[in-house]
Amino acid sequence: MSKGIELTQSQIKSYENGATMFMFPLNNCNILHSIDEFPIQKGDKDIYIKEEFGVSINGTTAYLKDYTKVDQRVIANLIVWKPASQMTKEQSRYTIKECIDVGIVRVQDISIDEMVYMGQDNKSILEEHNVVWHWIKEYYNNQLKEQNINRTYEDNDYIFLCEVTPLKEVK
């Protein structure tokens, strides 16, 4: 059985730019049992990425990225938008080769190295300019906003931290 993982648009951009680590808010306060509820587990292979997508009137799949510069009225007339949760493996553009690790951490405990894997690729700039916590706070708050979760970095949340080996297969 094939497994899929839902990424936000900013996570997909990070993945396209080489990110191999992603954070996901915990929806459940029971931290001890939450790791088993994460959609993928360490060692899972060939995981497809779910993202927002649309289906045109004639049935051709169209992805959000393909229509970002088109007039919104044209989009509304041609595309029926679907949530990422409904995407099937056949509709996915990307496949992750393997899940290397999944853990639960406090968002404030994420290291500089882990941020580099999330797409912030210049470790020396992060360290030298002391922008580490500003960047992670901004990034995390943006992730929550994209997922319509009414919490912030200051809420001291625990998160899933998932590391993957990308296959970067564009279908």
N, C-alpha and C. Protein backbone atom coordinates (compact mmCIF):
# COMPACT_ATOMS: atom_id res chain seq x y z
N MET A 1 0.83 -1.18 0.00
CA MET A 1 0.00 0.00 0.00
C MET A 1 0.87 1.24 0.00
N SER A 2 0.58 2.15 -0.88
CA SER A 2 1.35 3.38 -1.01
C SER A 2 0.91 4.41 0.03
N LYS A 3 1.87 5.11 0.59
CA LYS A 3 1.57 6.14 1.58
C LYS A 3 1.82 7.51 0.98
N GLY A 4 1.06 8.49 1.43
CA GLY A 4 1.24 9.86 0.99
C GLY A 4 1.38 10.78 2.18
N ILE A 5 2.03 11.91 1.95
CA ILE A 5 2.17 12.93 2.99
C ILE A 5 1.80 14.28 2.40
N GLU A 6 1.02 15.03 3.14
CA GLU A 6 0.51 16.31 2.68
C GLU A 6 1.49 17.42 3.05
N LEU A 7 1.92 18.18 2.04
CA LEU A 7 2.81 19.32 2.26
C LEU A 7 2.10 20.61 1.89
N THR A 8 2.42 21.69 2.61
CA THR A 8 1.89 23.00 2.26
C THR A 8 2.64 23.52 1.03
N GLN A 9 2.15 24.59 0.44
CA GLN A 9 2.81 25.15 -0.74
C GLN A 9 4.23 25.60 -0.43
N SER A 10 4.47 26.19 0.74
CA SER A 10 5.84 26.61 1.06
C SER A 10 6.74 25.39 1.29
N GLN A 11 6.21 24.31 1.85
CA GLN A 11 7.01 23.09 2.01
C GLN A 11 7.34 22.48 0.65
N ILE A 12 6.40 22.53 -0.28
CA ILE A 12 6.66 22.02 -1.62
C ILE A 12 7.76 22.83 -2.29
N LYS A 13 7.73 24.15 -2.12
CA LYS A 13 8.80 24.99 -2.69
C LYS A 13 10.14 24.63 -2.06
N SER A 14 10.15 24.42 -0.75
CA SER A 14 11.38 24.01 -0.07
C SER A 14 11.87 22.67 -0.60
N TYR A 15 10.94 21.73 -0.80
CA TYR A 15 11.29 20.41 -1.34
C TYR A 15 11.89 20.57 -2.74
N GLU A 16 11.29 21.40 -3.56
CA GLU A 16 11.81 21.64 -4.91
C GLU A 16 13.21 22.24 -4.88
N ASN A 17 13.52 22.96 -3.79
CA ASN A 17 14.85 23.57 -3.63
C ASN A 17 15.81 22.71 -2.83
N GLY A 18 15.43 21.45 -2.55
CA GLY A 18 16.36 20.52 -1.92
C GLY A 18 16.14 20.23 -0.45
N ALA A 19 15.09 20.78 0.18
CA ALA A 19 14.85 20.50 1.60
C ALA A 19 14.60 19.02 1.82
N THR A 20 15.12 18.50 2.93
CA THR A 20 14.94 17.08 3.27
C THR A 20 14.31 16.90 4.65
N MET A 21 13.97 17.99 5.31
CA MET A 21 13.37 17.90 6.64
C MET A 21 12.15 18.82 6.69
N PHE A 22 11.08 18.33 7.29
CA PHE A 22 9.83 19.09 7.35
C PHE A 22 9.24 18.98 8.74
N MET A 23 8.56 20.06 9.17
CA MET A 23 7.90 20.03 10.46
C MET A 23 6.40 20.10 10.27
N PHE A 24 5.69 19.38 11.16
CA PHE A 24 4.24 19.29 11.11
C PHE A 24 3.71 19.47 12.52
N PRO A 25 2.74 20.37 12.71
CA PRO A 25 2.17 20.56 14.06
C PRO A 25 1.47 19.30 14.54
N LEU A 26 1.54 19.06 15.83
CA LEU A 26 0.80 17.97 16.44
C LEU A 26 -0.64 18.43 16.64
N ASN A 27 -1.59 17.65 16.19
CA ASN A 27 -2.99 18.00 16.39
C ASN A 27 -3.53 17.38 17.66
N ASN A 28 -2.73 16.58 18.31
CA ASN A 28 -3.17 15.82 19.47
C ASN A 28 -2.25 16.15 20.63
N CYS A 29 -2.80 16.34 21.80
CA CYS A 29 -1.99 16.67 22.97
C CYS A 29 -1.30 15.46 23.58
N ASN A 30 -1.70 14.24 23.22
CA ASN A 30 -1.13 13.04 23.77
C ASN A 30 0.16 12.69 23.02
N ILE A 31 1.26 13.28 23.43
CA ILE A 31 2.53 13.15 22.72
C ILE A 31 3.01 11.71 22.65
N LEU A 32 2.81 10.93 23.67
CA LEU A 32 3.33 9.55 23.69
C LEU A 32 2.73 8.68 22.59
N HIS A 33 1.48 8.90 22.24
CA HIS A 33 0.83 8.07 21.23
C HIS A 33 0.81 8.73 19.85
N SER A 34 1.21 9.98 19.77
CA SER A 34 1.10 10.72 18.52
C SER A 34 2.03 10.20 17.43
N ILE A 35 3.21 9.72 17.78
CA ILE A 35 4.17 9.29 16.76
C ILE A 35 3.58 8.17 15.90
N ASP A 36 2.76 7.33 16.49
CA ASP A 36 2.12 6.25 15.73
C ASP A 36 1.04 6.77 14.78
N GLU A 37 0.56 7.98 15.03
CA GLU A 37 -0.50 8.56 14.21
C GLU A 37 0.05 9.33 13.00
N PHE A 38 1.35 9.56 12.95
CA PHE A 38 1.92 10.29 11.83
C PHE A 38 1.75 9.43 10.57
N PRO A 39 1.41 10.05 9.42
CA PRO A 39 1.06 9.26 8.22
C PRO A 39 2.18 8.41 7.64
N ILE A 40 3.43 8.78 7.90
CA ILE A 40 4.55 7.94 7.44
C ILE A 40 5.46 7.66 8.62
N GLN A 41 6.20 6.58 8.53
CA GLN A 41 7.08 6.15 9.61
C GLN A 41 8.50 5.93 9.08
N LYS A 42 9.46 5.92 9.97
CA LYS A 42 10.85 5.66 9.61
C LYS A 42 10.93 4.36 8.82
N GLY A 43 11.62 4.40 7.68
CA GLY A 43 11.79 3.23 6.85
C GLY A 43 10.78 3.11 5.72
N ASP A 44 9.68 3.86 5.78
CA ASP A 44 8.71 3.83 4.67
C ASP A 44 9.39 4.32 3.40
N LYS A 45 9.06 3.69 2.27
CA LYS A 45 9.67 4.02 0.98
C LYS A 45 8.62 4.42 -0.04
N ASP A 46 9.08 5.13 -1.07
CA ASP A 46 8.23 5.54 -2.20
C ASP A 46 6.94 6.22 -1.73
N ILE A 47 7.10 7.31 -1.02
CA ILE A 47 5.99 8.08 -0.46
C ILE A 47 5.64 9.19 -1.44
N TYR A 48 4.38 9.32 -1.77
CA TYR A 48 4.02 10.39 -2.69
C TYR A 48 3.62 11.65 -1.92
N ILE A 49 3.89 12.81 -2.53
CA ILE A 49 3.58 14.08 -1.91
C ILE A 49 2.21 14.54 -2.37
N LYS A 50 1.36 14.87 -1.39
CA LYS A 50 0.04 15.41 -1.68
C LYS A 50 0.12 16.94 -1.63
N GLU A 51 -0.54 17.58 -2.58
CA GLU A 51 -0.59 19.04 -2.60
C GLU A 51 -1.94 19.47 -3.16
N GLU A 52 -2.29 20.73 -2.95
CA GLU A 52 -3.54 21.23 -3.51
C GLU A 52 -3.51 21.07 -5.02
N PHE A 53 -4.63 20.70 -5.60
CA PHE A 53 -4.68 20.52 -7.05
C PHE A 53 -6.08 20.80 -7.54
N GLY A 54 -6.23 20.80 -8.83
CA GLY A 54 -7.54 21.04 -9.41
C GLY A 54 -7.79 20.09 -10.56
N VAL A 55 -9.04 19.94 -10.92
CA VAL A 55 -9.41 19.13 -12.07
C VAL A 55 -10.18 20.04 -13.01
N SER A 56 -9.76 20.10 -14.26
CA SER A 56 -10.45 20.97 -15.20
C SER A 56 -11.77 20.34 -15.62
N ILE A 57 -12.57 21.10 -16.29
CA ILE A 57 -13.88 20.61 -16.72
C ILE A 57 -13.75 19.40 -17.64
N ASN A 58 -12.72 19.35 -18.46
CA ASN A 58 -12.55 18.21 -19.36
C ASN A 58 -11.82 17.04 -18.70
N GLY A 59 -11.53 17.15 -17.40
CA GLY A 59 -10.96 16.03 -16.66
C GLY A 59 -9.45 15.99 -16.57
N THR A 60 -8.76 16.94 -17.17
CA THR A 60 -7.31 16.97 -17.11
C THR A 60 -6.87 17.53 -15.76
N THR A 61 -5.93 16.87 -15.12
CA THR A 61 -5.43 17.34 -13.84
C THR A 61 -4.61 18.60 -14.04
N ALA A 62 -4.83 19.59 -13.18
CA ALA A 62 -4.09 20.84 -13.23
C ALA A 62 -3.63 21.18 -11.82
N TYR A 63 -2.39 21.53 -11.67
CA TYR A 63 -1.83 21.81 -10.35
C TYR A 63 -1.77 23.31 -10.10
N LEU A 64 -1.83 23.68 -8.83
CA LEU A 64 -1.81 25.07 -8.44
C LEU A 64 -0.63 25.82 -9.04
N LYS A 65 0.53 25.21 -9.05
CA LYS A 65 1.74 25.85 -9.57
C LYS A 65 1.57 26.25 -11.04
N ASP A 66 0.86 25.45 -11.80
CA ASP A 66 0.70 25.71 -13.23
C ASP A 66 -0.16 26.92 -13.53
N TYR A 67 -0.93 27.40 -12.57
CA TYR A 67 -1.90 28.46 -12.83
C TYR A 67 -1.68 29.71 -12.00
N THR A 68 -0.52 29.88 -11.41
CA THR A 68 -0.30 31.02 -10.53
C THR A 68 -0.32 32.36 -11.26
N LYS A 69 -0.03 32.39 -12.54
CA LYS A 69 0.02 33.65 -13.27
C LYS A 69 -1.18 33.87 -14.19
N VAL A 70 -2.15 32.98 -14.11
CA VAL A 70 -3.33 33.10 -14.96
C VAL A 70 -4.39 33.91 -14.23
N ASP A 71 -5.18 34.66 -14.96
CA ASP A 71 -6.27 35.46 -14.40
C ASP A 71 -7.16 34.57 -13.53
N GLN A 72 -7.45 35.01 -12.31
CA GLN A 72 -8.26 34.22 -11.37
C GLN A 72 -9.65 33.90 -11.91
N ARG A 73 -10.22 34.77 -12.74
CA ARG A 73 -11.55 34.49 -13.31
C ARG A 73 -11.47 33.31 -14.26
N VAL A 74 -10.37 33.20 -14.99
CA VAL A 74 -10.18 32.07 -15.90
C VAL A 74 -10.07 30.79 -15.09
N ILE A 75 -9.31 30.84 -14.00
CA ILE A 75 -9.14 29.67 -13.14
C ILE A 75 -10.50 29.22 -12.60
N ALA A 76 -11.28 30.17 -12.12
CA ALA A 76 -12.57 29.84 -11.52
C ALA A 76 -13.48 29.16 -12.54
N ASN A 77 -13.37 29.51 -13.81
CA ASN A 77 -14.23 28.93 -14.83
C ASN A 77 -13.72 27.58 -15.34
N LEU A 78 -12.44 27.30 -15.17
CA LEU A 78 -11.87 26.08 -15.74
C LEU A 78 -11.54 24.99 -14.73
N ILE A 79 -11.27 25.38 -13.48
CA ILE A 79 -10.71 24.44 -12.52
C ILE A 79 -11.61 24.28 -11.30
N VAL A 80 -11.78 23.05 -10.87
CA VAL A 80 -12.43 22.76 -9.60
C VAL A 80 -11.29 22.38 -8.64
N TRP A 81 -11.05 23.21 -7.62
CA TRP A 81 -9.92 22.97 -6.72
C TRP A 81 -10.23 21.88 -5.71
N LYS A 82 -9.24 21.07 -5.44
CA LYS A 82 -9.38 19.95 -4.50
C LYS A 82 -8.36 20.11 -3.38
N PRO A 83 -8.70 19.69 -2.16
CA PRO A 83 -7.71 19.73 -1.08
C PRO A 83 -6.66 18.65 -1.28
N ALA A 84 -5.49 18.88 -0.71
CA ALA A 84 -4.38 17.93 -0.83
C ALA A 84 -4.76 16.55 -0.32
N SER A 85 -5.60 16.49 0.69
CA SER A 85 -5.96 15.20 1.28
C SER A 85 -6.64 14.27 0.28
N GLN A 86 -7.20 14.80 -0.80
CA GLN A 86 -7.88 13.97 -1.80
C GLN A 86 -6.96 13.50 -2.92
N MET A 87 -5.73 13.96 -2.94
CA MET A 87 -4.82 13.60 -4.03
C MET A 87 -4.43 12.13 -3.94
N THR A 88 -4.42 11.47 -5.09
CA THR A 88 -3.99 10.07 -5.17
C THR A 88 -2.54 10.02 -5.64
N LYS A 89 -1.93 8.85 -5.54
CA LYS A 89 -0.55 8.67 -5.98
C LYS A 89 -0.40 9.00 -7.46
N GLU A 90 -1.39 8.62 -8.25
CA GLU A 90 -1.33 8.86 -9.70
C GLU A 90 -1.36 10.35 -10.04
N GLN A 91 -1.95 11.16 -9.19
CA GLN A 91 -2.04 12.60 -9.45
C GLN A 91 -0.85 13.37 -8.91
N SER A 92 -0.02 12.73 -8.11
CA SER A 92 1.10 13.41 -7.46
C SER A 92 2.24 13.69 -8.43
N ARG A 93 2.90 14.83 -8.23
CA ARG A 93 4.05 15.19 -9.07
C ARG A 93 5.37 14.68 -8.50
N TYR A 94 5.43 14.41 -7.19
CA TYR A 94 6.70 14.07 -6.55
C TYR A 94 6.59 12.81 -5.70
N THR A 95 7.71 12.09 -5.64
CA THR A 95 7.82 10.92 -4.79
C THR A 95 9.04 11.08 -3.89
N ILE A 96 8.87 10.76 -2.61
CA ILE A 96 9.97 10.75 -1.65
C ILE A 96 10.52 9.33 -1.63
N LYS A 97 11.83 9.19 -1.74
CA LYS A 97 12.44 7.86 -1.79
C LYS A 97 12.24 7.10 -0.48
N GLU A 98 12.53 7.75 0.66
CA GLU A 98 12.44 7.06 1.94
C GLU A 98 12.30 8.05 3.08
N CYS A 99 11.57 7.64 4.12
CA CYS A 99 11.49 8.41 5.36
C CYS A 99 12.66 7.95 6.24
N ILE A 100 13.58 8.84 6.50
CA ILE A 100 14.77 8.49 7.29
C ILE A 100 14.46 8.50 8.78
N ASP A 101 13.64 9.47 9.22
CA ASP A 101 13.35 9.56 10.64
C ASP A 101 12.10 10.42 10.87
N VAL A 102 11.38 10.11 11.93
CA VAL A 102 10.27 10.93 12.40
C VAL A 102 10.42 11.02 13.90
N GLY A 103 10.36 12.23 14.42
CA GLY A 103 10.46 12.42 15.86
C GLY A 103 9.53 13.52 16.32
N ILE A 104 9.37 13.62 17.62
CA ILE A 104 8.56 14.69 18.20
C ILE A 104 9.51 15.57 19.01
N VAL A 105 9.52 16.86 18.68
CA VAL A 105 10.38 17.82 19.37
C VAL A 105 9.59 19.09 19.66
N ARG A 106 10.09 19.86 20.60
CA ARG A 106 9.54 21.20 20.80
C ARG A 106 10.08 22.08 19.69
N VAL A 107 9.26 22.90 19.12
CA VAL A 107 9.70 23.74 18.00
C VAL A 107 10.88 24.62 18.42
N GLN A 108 10.93 25.04 19.68
CA GLN A 108 12.04 25.88 20.15
C GLN A 108 13.36 25.13 20.26
N ASP A 109 13.32 23.80 20.16
CA ASP A 109 14.54 22.98 20.30
C ASP A 109 15.15 22.57 18.96
N ILE A 110 14.62 23.08 17.87
CA ILE A 110 15.16 22.74 16.55
C ILE A 110 16.54 23.37 16.40
N SER A 111 17.49 22.60 15.89
CA SER A 111 18.87 23.06 15.77
C SER A 111 19.12 23.78 14.45
N ILE A 112 20.25 24.46 14.37
CA ILE A 112 20.64 25.14 13.14
C ILE A 112 20.79 24.13 12.01
N ASP A 113 21.40 22.97 12.29
CA ASP A 113 21.56 21.95 11.26
C ASP A 113 20.22 21.50 10.70
N GLU A 114 19.25 21.33 11.59
CA GLU A 114 17.92 20.91 11.14
C GLU A 114 17.27 21.99 10.27
N MET A 115 17.50 23.26 10.60
CA MET A 115 16.96 24.35 9.79
C MET A 115 17.58 24.35 8.39
N VAL A 116 18.85 24.00 8.31
CA VAL A 116 19.51 23.92 7.02
C VAL A 116 18.81 22.87 6.15
N TYR A 117 18.45 21.73 6.76
CA TYR A 117 17.75 20.67 6.02
C TYR A 117 16.34 21.07 5.62
N MET A 118 15.78 22.10 6.29
CA MET A 118 14.43 22.57 5.95
C MET A 118 14.47 23.60 4.83
N GLY A 119 15.65 23.84 4.26
CA GLY A 119 15.72 24.72 3.12
C GLY A 119 16.45 26.02 3.37
N GLN A 120 16.86 26.27 4.59
CA GLN A 120 17.64 27.46 4.90
C GLN A 120 19.10 27.05 4.76
N ASP A 121 19.64 27.15 3.53
CA ASP A 121 20.86 26.44 3.20
C ASP A 121 22.17 27.12 3.57
N ASN A 122 22.16 28.30 4.12
CA ASN A 122 23.42 28.94 4.46
C ASN A 122 23.59 28.99 5.98
N LYS A 123 24.21 27.95 6.52
CA LYS A 123 24.40 27.82 7.97
C LYS A 123 25.22 28.96 8.54
N SER A 124 26.26 29.39 7.84
CA SER A 124 27.12 30.44 8.37
C SER A 124 26.37 31.76 8.53
N ILE A 125 25.49 32.07 7.58
CA ILE A 125 24.70 33.30 7.70
C ILE A 125 23.75 33.18 8.89
N LEU A 126 23.14 32.02 9.06
CA LEU A 126 22.23 31.82 10.20
C LEU A 126 22.98 32.04 11.51
N GLU A 127 24.18 31.48 11.61
CA GLU A 127 24.94 31.60 12.85
C GLU A 127 25.48 33.01 13.06
N GLU A 128 26.10 33.59 12.01
CA GLU A 128 26.75 34.89 12.14
C GLU A 128 25.79 36.03 12.45
N HIS A 129 24.66 36.02 11.84
CA HIS A 129 23.74 37.14 11.98
C HIS A 129 22.65 36.90 13.01
N ASN A 130 22.77 35.81 13.74
CA ASN A 130 21.83 35.49 14.80
C ASN A 130 20.37 35.58 14.35
N VAL A 131 20.12 35.11 13.14
CA VAL A 131 18.75 35.14 12.63
C VAL A 131 18.06 33.79 12.81
N VAL A 132 18.73 32.88 13.49
CA VAL A 132 18.21 31.53 13.64
C VAL A 132 16.80 31.52 14.21
N TRP A 133 16.61 32.11 15.36
CA TRP A 133 15.32 32.00 16.03
C TRP A 133 14.27 32.86 15.35
N HIS A 134 14.69 33.96 14.77
CA HIS A 134 13.74 34.77 14.02
C HIS A 134 13.23 33.98 12.81
N TRP A 135 14.16 33.32 12.09
CA TRP A 135 13.76 32.56 10.90
C TRP A 135 12.84 31.40 11.26
N ILE A 136 13.20 30.63 12.30
CA ILE A 136 12.39 29.46 12.64
C ILE A 136 11.03 29.89 13.16
N LYS A 137 10.97 30.98 13.92
CA LYS A 137 9.69 31.49 14.43
C LYS A 137 8.79 31.90 13.26
N GLU A 138 9.37 32.65 12.33
CA GLU A 138 8.60 33.11 11.17
C GLU A 138 8.15 31.92 10.31
N TYR A 139 9.04 30.97 10.08
CA TYR A 139 8.73 29.79 9.26
C TYR A 139 7.63 28.96 9.90
N TYR A 140 7.75 28.72 11.20
CA TYR A 140 6.76 27.91 11.91
C TYR A 140 5.39 28.60 11.92
N ASN A 141 5.37 29.88 12.22
CA ASN A 141 4.10 30.61 12.23
C ASN A 141 3.45 30.59 10.85
N ASN A 142 4.25 30.67 9.80
CA ASN A 142 3.72 30.59 8.44
C ASN A 142 3.12 29.21 8.16
N GLN A 143 3.79 28.15 8.64
CA GLN A 143 3.26 26.79 8.45
C GLN A 143 1.91 26.63 9.13
N LEU A 144 1.79 27.16 10.34
CA LEU A 144 0.51 27.08 11.06
C LEU A 144 -0.58 27.85 10.32
N LYS A 145 -0.22 29.02 9.84
CA LYS A 145 -1.19 29.84 9.11
C LYS A 145 -1.66 29.14 7.83
N GLU A 146 -0.73 28.53 7.09
CA GLU A 146 -1.09 27.81 5.87
C GLU A 146 -2.04 26.64 6.14
N GLN A 147 -1.95 26.07 7.34
CA GLN A 147 -2.79 24.93 7.69
C GLN A 147 -4.02 25.34 8.51
N ASN A 148 -4.25 26.66 8.59
CA ASN A 148 -5.40 27.20 9.34
C ASN A 148 -5.43 26.73 10.79
N ILE A 149 -4.25 26.72 11.43
CA ILE A 149 -4.15 26.35 12.84
C ILE A 149 -3.93 27.63 13.63
N ASN A 150 -4.77 27.87 14.61
CA ASN A 150 -4.74 29.12 15.35
C ASN A 150 -3.80 29.02 16.56
N ARG A 151 -2.51 28.82 16.29
CA ARG A 151 -1.49 28.81 17.32
C ARG A 151 -0.26 29.50 16.75
N THR A 152 0.71 29.78 17.61
CA THR A 152 1.95 30.42 17.16
C THR A 152 3.15 29.76 17.85
N TYR A 153 4.33 30.20 17.44
CA TYR A 153 5.60 29.74 18.03
C TYR A 153 5.60 29.91 19.54
N GLU A 154 5.02 30.98 20.02
CA GLU A 154 5.01 31.28 21.45
C GLU A 154 4.18 30.29 22.25
N ASP A 155 3.33 29.50 21.60
CA ASP A 155 2.50 28.52 22.30
C ASP A 155 3.31 27.32 22.78
N ASN A 156 4.62 27.28 22.46
CA ASN A 156 5.52 26.24 22.96
C ASN A 156 5.10 24.85 22.49
N ASP A 157 4.70 24.77 21.23
CA ASP A 157 4.18 23.54 20.66
C ASP A 157 5.24 22.47 20.46
N TYR A 158 4.78 21.22 20.52
CA TYR A 158 5.57 20.10 20.07
C TYR A 158 5.17 19.82 18.63
N ILE A 159 6.11 19.34 17.84
CA ILE A 159 5.86 19.10 16.43
C ILE A 159 6.44 17.75 16.02
N PHE A 160 5.96 17.25 14.88
CA PHE A 160 6.62 16.14 14.23
C PHE A 160 7.74 16.74 13.40
N LEU A 161 8.92 16.18 13.47
CA LEU A 161 10.03 16.56 12.61
C LEU A 161 10.35 15.34 11.77
N CYS A 162 10.19 15.47 10.46
CA CYS A 162 10.30 14.34 9.55
C CYS A 162 11.44 14.58 8.58
N GLU A 163 12.37 13.62 8.50
CA GLU A 163 13.50 13.73 7.58
C GLU A 163 13.35 12.68 6.49
N VAL A 164 13.58 13.09 5.25
CA VAL A 164 13.35 12.21 4.10
C VAL A 164 14.54 12.23 3.16
N THR A 165 14.61 11.21 2.31
CA THR A 165 15.54 11.18 1.19
C THR A 165 14.71 11.47 -0.06
N PRO A 166 14.94 12.61 -0.69
CA PRO A 166 14.09 12.95 -1.84
C PRO A 166 14.44 12.14 -3.08
N LEU A 167 13.41 11.80 -3.84
CA LEU A 167 13.60 11.16 -5.13
C LEU A 167 13.49 12.22 -6.22
N LYS A 168 12.73 13.27 -5.90
CA LYS A 168 12.54 14.39 -6.82
C LYS A 168 12.04 13.94 -8.18
N GLU A 169 11.16 13.01 -8.18
CA GLU A 169 10.59 12.52 -9.42
C GLU A 169 9.42 13.41 -9.83
N VAL A 170 9.54 14.06 -10.96
CA VAL A 170 8.45 14.86 -11.47
C VAL A 170 7.71 14.03 -12.49
N LYS A 171 6.42 13.88 -12.28
CA LYS A 171 5.63 13.03 -13.16
C LYS A 171 4.95 13.86 -14.24
